Amino acid sequence: MDEPTVIAHRGFAGVAPENTVGAAVAAADRPGTAMIEIDVQPAADGTPVVFHDDRLEGARDGRPITDAEGLVRETPLEDVCAAEVLESGETVPTLAALLEVVPSTMGVNVELKNPGRADLRFGEALSETAREKRREAWQPFVERVVDDCDAFRGEVLFSSFCEGALAAARDVAPEYAAAVLVWGSLSDGLEVARRYDCEAIHPPRNAIAGTAMATEQYAGFSATEPEIDVLEVAHDEGRTVNVWTVENWLQFAQLRAAGVDGIVVDYPGLGNATV
């Protein structure tokens, strides 16, 4: 059995300050890491920055996510990039700055999080009319992201929960691989993957049929066995299946045994343990 690709979630967010240059450097240095997953959205001037939440305030396990406040998309770039992440000494980087420190031997999964607006149509398969409007809404930001990624010599995979982001990515840069992130509906995820001929699909960990996790409530899915075997369907269609987000070695072992292609993980070394 082939070992699944290890994808470092926000640069192994379980052991490093998420989505920072320091996290990316450390993740790239760890043996077995094949790809780093990051989140991108625009600062007020449209510059892509690497940050997950809509707002700069908030918390992770009791720590402030940053020492700043405000919507990222409404905050000046200088202020966003001065914000300290999780009291670590690391600050919010631009996408360009983070990609500069990642070696070309490492892949980067760039999740298109937000184009600079609130109405995202998150996790939906859209009508034809809505698709075009969403593509237009995302295109200016995606163009900025692609400009930064073009300077990176490693593998890039664009992913998003938003169909408009994938539509824009295919329109702006069809040479880059794309993946639909699934929330709540495997049928919608597969429909979007087919529509843009996505190379990959990224379902949550409880969406893989036959695993113990399949009866856990998570990521918009109820605590029932999935009605669609997304792994079988995606593989029959020639798509890679990368599953998110795994927090312990037991979860990793279940997904490895199921035969997924990649696993997005918060901690390094989860694949080294055996059941």
Protein backbone atom coordinates (compact mmCIF):
# COMPACT_ATOMS: atom_id res chain seq x y z
CA MET A 1 0.00 0.00 0.00
CA ASP A 2 1.31 3.44 -0.93
CA GLU A 3 1.81 5.83 1.95
CA PRO A 4 -0.49 8.89 1.84
CA THR A 5 1.02 12.28 1.15
CA VAL A 6 1.50 14.30 4.36
CA ILE A 7 0.10 17.82 4.03
CA ALA A 8 1.02 20.19 6.88
CA HIS A 9 -2.15 22.03 7.90
CA ARG A 10 -1.24 25.74 8.15
CA GLY A 11 2.36 24.54 8.60
CA PHE A 12 1.57 21.92 11.32
CA ALA A 13 -0.66 24.21 13.37
CA GLY A 14 -0.53 21.82 16.32
CA VAL A 15 3.14 22.60 16.96
CA ALA A 16 3.81 25.96 15.26
CA PRO A 17 2.12 29.36 14.93
CA GLU A 18 -0.27 28.76 12.05
CA ASN A 19 0.16 30.28 8.60
CA THR A 20 3.46 31.99 9.42
CA VAL A 21 6.87 32.03 7.79
CA GLY A 22 8.32 30.24 10.81
CA ALA A 23 5.72 27.49 10.58
CA ALA A 24 6.37 27.03 6.86
CA VAL A 25 10.14 26.82 7.33
CA ALA A 26 9.81 24.31 10.17
CA ALA A 27 7.29 22.20 8.27
CA ALA A 28 9.48 22.07 5.17
CA ASP A 29 12.42 20.90 7.31
CA ARG A 30 10.50 17.97 8.81
CA PRO A 31 11.10 14.59 7.15
CA GLY A 32 8.07 13.21 5.37
CA THR A 33 6.33 16.51 4.70
CA ALA A 34 5.31 16.74 1.05
CA MET A 35 3.10 19.80 1.03
CA ILE A 36 2.21 22.79 3.20
CA GLU A 37 -1.41 23.97 3.34
CA ILE A 38 -2.02 27.71 3.82
CA ASP A 39 -4.99 30.10 3.71
CA VAL A 40 -5.00 33.30 1.66
CA GLN A 41 -7.21 36.38 1.58
CA PRO A 42 -6.63 40.06 0.73
CA ALA A 43 -5.63 42.93 2.97
CA ALA A 44 -7.38 46.25 2.32
CA ASP A 45 -5.22 47.03 -0.73
CA GLY A 46 -5.82 43.58 -2.28
CA THR A 47 -2.42 42.10 -1.43
CA PRO A 48 -2.74 38.38 -0.65
CA VAL A 49 -1.88 37.62 2.97
CA VAL A 50 -1.66 34.26 4.70
CA PHE A 51 -4.34 34.13 7.38
CA HIS A 52 -7.33 31.91 8.09
CA ASP A 53 -9.97 33.89 9.99
CA ASP A 54 -12.01 36.80 8.67
CA ARG A 55 -10.97 38.92 11.64
CA LEU A 56 -7.62 39.53 13.27
CA GLU A 57 -9.05 39.14 16.77
CA GLY A 58 -10.12 35.75 18.11
CA ALA A 59 -8.45 32.90 19.94
CA ARG A 60 -6.82 29.51 19.56
CA ASP A 61 -6.82 27.36 22.70
CA GLY A 62 -7.03 30.44 24.92
CA ARG A 63 -4.39 32.49 23.10
CA PRO A 64 -5.25 35.53 20.99
CA ILE A 65 -4.91 34.68 17.32
CA THR A 66 -3.20 38.05 16.86
CA ASP A 67 -2.65 41.20 18.89
CA ALA A 68 -4.64 43.27 16.37
CA GLU A 69 -8.32 43.78 15.57
CA GLY A 70 -10.53 44.22 12.55
CA LEU A 71 -11.58 42.48 9.37
CA VAL A 72 -8.49 41.44 7.42
CA ARG A 73 -9.98 42.69 4.16
CA GLU A 74 -10.54 46.15 5.66
CA THR A 75 -7.19 46.48 7.42
CA PRO A 76 -4.19 48.24 5.82
CA LEU A 77 -1.50 45.84 4.66
CA GLU A 78 1.10 47.35 6.99
CA ASP A 79 -1.14 46.72 10.01
CA VAL A 80 -2.00 43.17 8.95
CA CYS A 81 1.66 42.28 8.50
CA ALA A 82 2.56 43.83 11.87
CA ALA A 83 0.05 41.64 13.71
CA GLU A 84 1.75 39.08 15.98
CA VAL A 85 0.37 35.55 15.65
CA LEU A 86 -0.40 33.57 18.81
CA GLU A 87 2.09 35.49 20.95
CA SER A 88 4.88 33.73 19.03
CA GLY A 89 6.94 36.63 17.71
CA GLU A 90 5.85 35.61 14.21
CA THR A 91 3.68 38.01 12.23
CA VAL A 92 1.10 37.61 9.46
CA PRO A 93 3.02 37.21 6.18
CA THR A 94 2.13 38.15 2.65
CA LEU A 95 1.77 35.19 0.32
CA ALA A 96 4.84 36.35 -1.59
CA ALA A 97 6.95 36.48 1.58
CA LEU A 98 5.91 33.00 2.67
CA LEU A 99 6.54 31.44 -0.74
CA GLU A 100 10.04 32.94 -0.76
CA VAL A 101 11.09 30.67 2.14
CA VAL A 102 9.52 27.44 0.89
CA PRO A 103 11.93 25.24 -1.08
CA SER A 104 10.91 24.27 -4.60
CA THR A 105 10.96 20.62 -3.54
CA MET A 106 7.95 21.29 -1.31
CA GLY A 107 4.38 21.59 -2.60
CA VAL A 108 2.04 24.34 -1.41
CA ASN A 109 -1.73 23.94 -1.15
CA VAL A 110 -3.07 27.49 -1.41
CA GLU A 111 -6.60 27.63 -0.04
CA LEU A 112 -8.50 30.54 -1.55
CA LYS A 113 -10.35 31.72 1.53
CA ASN A 114 -11.93 35.06 0.71
CA PRO A 115 -11.78 37.50 -2.23
CA GLY A 116 -12.40 40.53 -0.04
CA ARG A 117 -16.13 40.31 0.59
CA ALA A 118 -18.63 38.72 2.95
CA ASP A 119 -21.00 36.93 0.53
CA LEU A 120 -19.00 33.81 -0.26
CA ARG A 121 -21.58 31.13 -1.24
CA PHE A 122 -19.53 28.72 0.85
CA GLY A 123 -19.78 24.97 0.15
CA GLU A 124 -22.41 25.24 -2.60
CA ALA A 125 -22.72 23.91 -6.11
CA LEU A 126 -24.04 26.96 -7.96
CA SER A 127 -26.42 27.60 -10.82
CA GLU A 128 -24.93 28.71 -14.13
CA THR A 129 -25.92 32.34 -13.57
CA ALA A 130 -24.55 32.40 -10.02
CA ARG A 131 -21.32 30.74 -11.14
CA GLU A 132 -20.44 33.56 -13.51
CA LYS A 133 -21.18 36.23 -10.90
CA ARG A 134 -19.05 34.41 -8.35
CA ARG A 135 -16.21 33.95 -10.82
CA GLU A 136 -16.19 37.69 -11.52
CA ALA A 137 -16.19 38.42 -7.78
CA TRP A 138 -13.14 36.23 -7.21
CA GLN A 139 -11.11 36.96 -10.34
CA PRO A 140 -9.23 40.14 -9.27
CA PHE A 141 -7.98 38.50 -6.08
CA VAL A 142 -7.15 35.22 -7.79
CA GLU A 143 -5.08 37.17 -10.34
CA ARG A 144 -3.04 38.65 -7.48
CA VAL A 145 -2.56 35.19 -5.94
CA VAL A 146 -1.46 33.69 -9.25
CA ASP A 147 1.07 36.49 -9.76
CA ASP A 148 2.68 35.55 -6.44
CA CYS A 149 2.55 31.82 -7.15
CA ASP A 150 4.15 32.27 -10.57
CA ALA A 151 7.36 33.30 -8.79
CA PHE A 152 7.40 30.02 -6.83
CA ARG A 153 9.14 27.10 -8.51
CA GLY A 154 7.49 24.30 -6.55
CA GLU A 155 4.16 22.54 -7.01
CA VAL A 156 1.04 24.65 -6.35
CA LEU A 157 -2.45 23.30 -5.71
CA PHE A 158 -5.35 25.73 -5.42
CA SER A 159 -8.28 24.66 -3.25
CA SER A 160 -11.46 26.31 -2.02
CA PHE A 161 -14.86 25.72 -0.47
CA CYS A 162 -16.19 28.35 -2.89
CA GLU A 163 -17.09 27.39 -6.44
CA GLY A 164 -16.47 30.95 -7.62
CA ALA A 165 -12.84 30.71 -6.50
CA LEU A 166 -12.30 27.51 -8.47
CA ALA A 167 -14.01 28.99 -11.52
CA ALA A 168 -11.69 32.01 -11.36
CA ALA A 169 -8.61 29.84 -10.82
CA ARG A 170 -9.42 27.71 -13.86
CA ASP A 171 -10.02 30.85 -15.92
CA VAL A 172 -6.92 32.74 -14.77
CA ALA A 173 -4.41 29.90 -14.41
CA PRO A 174 -5.56 26.56 -15.84
CA GLU A 175 -1.98 25.30 -15.65
CA TYR A 176 -2.27 24.95 -11.86
CA ALA A 177 -3.97 21.96 -10.23
CA ALA A 178 -7.25 22.59 -8.40
CA ALA A 179 -9.20 20.86 -5.65
CA VAL A 180 -12.70 21.35 -4.32
CA LEU A 181 -12.99 21.44 -0.53
CA VAL A 182 -16.13 19.64 0.62
CA TRP A 183 -18.46 20.87 3.32
CA GLY A 184 -21.74 19.11 4.11
CA SER A 185 -22.47 17.57 0.70
CA LEU A 186 -20.37 14.99 -1.12
CA SER A 187 -22.66 15.17 -4.15
CA ASP A 188 -22.12 18.94 -4.43
CA GLY A 189 -18.39 18.47 -4.03
CA LEU A 190 -18.24 15.86 -6.77
CA GLU A 191 -20.41 18.01 -9.05
CA VAL A 192 -18.06 20.97 -8.67
CA ALA A 193 -15.01 18.73 -9.16
CA ARG A 194 -16.45 17.46 -12.42
CA ARG A 195 -17.47 20.91 -13.61
CA TYR A 196 -13.88 22.21 -13.41
CA ASP A 197 -12.17 18.87 -13.99
CA CYS A 198 -10.42 19.25 -10.64
CA GLU A 199 -7.38 17.08 -10.15
CA ALA A 200 -8.35 16.50 -6.51
CA ILE A 201 -11.20 16.56 -4.05
CA HIS A 202 -10.71 17.35 -0.35
CA PRO A 203 -13.41 15.82 1.87
CA PRO A 204 -13.40 16.01 5.68
CA ARG A 205 -12.12 13.04 7.69
CA ASN A 206 -15.59 11.72 8.54
CA ALA A 207 -16.67 11.54 4.89
CA ILE A 208 -14.66 8.41 4.09
CA ALA A 209 -17.01 5.43 4.10
CA GLY A 210 -16.13 2.41 6.21
CA THR A 211 -13.96 4.20 8.76
CA ALA A 212 -14.82 4.63 12.44
CA MET A 213 -14.82 8.38 11.90
CA ALA A 214 -17.63 8.10 9.33
CA THR A 215 -20.21 8.09 12.13
CA GLU A 216 -18.85 11.23 13.81
CA GLN A 217 -20.45 14.65 13.34
CA TYR A 218 -17.94 16.99 11.74
CA ALA A 219 -17.63 19.62 9.01
CA GLY A 220 -21.30 19.88 8.14
CA PHE A 221 -21.85 16.12 8.04
CA SER A 222 -24.14 14.29 10.44
CA ALA A 223 -23.10 11.25 12.49
CA THR A 224 -24.21 8.75 9.86
CA GLU A 225 -22.36 6.63 7.32
CA PRO A 226 -21.84 8.62 4.08
CA GLU A 227 -24.28 7.74 1.30
CA ILE A 228 -21.55 8.18 -1.32
CA ASP A 229 -18.22 6.37 -1.31
CA VAL A 230 -16.29 9.47 -2.34
CA LEU A 231 -12.99 7.61 -2.38
CA GLU A 232 -14.25 5.03 -4.87
CA VAL A 233 -16.05 7.56 -7.05
CA ALA A 234 -13.17 10.04 -7.13
CA HIS A 235 -10.61 7.35 -7.90
CA ASP A 236 -12.82 5.96 -10.69
CA GLU A 237 -12.84 9.47 -12.15
CA GLY A 238 -9.07 9.82 -11.82
CA ARG A 239 -9.07 12.34 -8.96
CA THR A 240 -6.79 12.43 -5.94
CA VAL A 241 -8.49 12.35 -2.52
CA ASN A 242 -6.82 14.44 0.19
CA VAL A 243 -8.62 14.33 3.54
CA TRP A 244 -8.74 17.04 6.25
CA THR A 245 -7.98 17.61 9.12
CA VAL A 246 -6.37 14.85 11.18
CA GLU A 247 -5.29 15.43 14.77
CA ASN A 248 -3.97 12.06 15.98
CA TRP A 249 -2.30 8.88 14.75
CA LEU A 250 -5.46 6.76 15.11
CA GLN A 251 -7.29 8.95 12.63
CA PHE A 252 -4.26 8.87 10.32
CA ALA A 253 -4.13 5.06 10.50
CA GLN A 254 -7.82 4.72 9.58
CA LEU A 255 -7.45 6.91 6.53
CA ARG A 256 -4.23 5.23 5.45
CA ALA A 257 -5.96 1.84 5.64
CA ALA A 258 -8.89 3.20 3.61
CA GLY A 259 -6.48 4.14 0.82
CA VAL A 260 -6.71 7.93 0.67
CA ASP A 261 -4.03 9.72 -1.32
CA GLY A 262 -3.19 12.56 1.06
CA ILE A 263 -3.90 13.56 4.65
CA VAL A 264 -3.96 17.11 5.98
CA VAL A 265 -2.52 16.96 9.51
CA ASP A 266 -2.01 19.31 12.44
CA TYR A 267 0.96 17.37 13.86
CA PRO A 268 4.07 15.90 12.24
CA GLY A 269 4.93 12.22 12.61
CA LEU A 270 1.38 10.85 12.81
CA GLY A 271 2.13 8.32 10.09
CA ASN A 272 5.00 6.81 12.05
CA ALA A 273 2.73 4.99 14.54
CA THR A 274 0.96 1.70 13.81
CA VAL A 275 -2.34 0.31 15.08
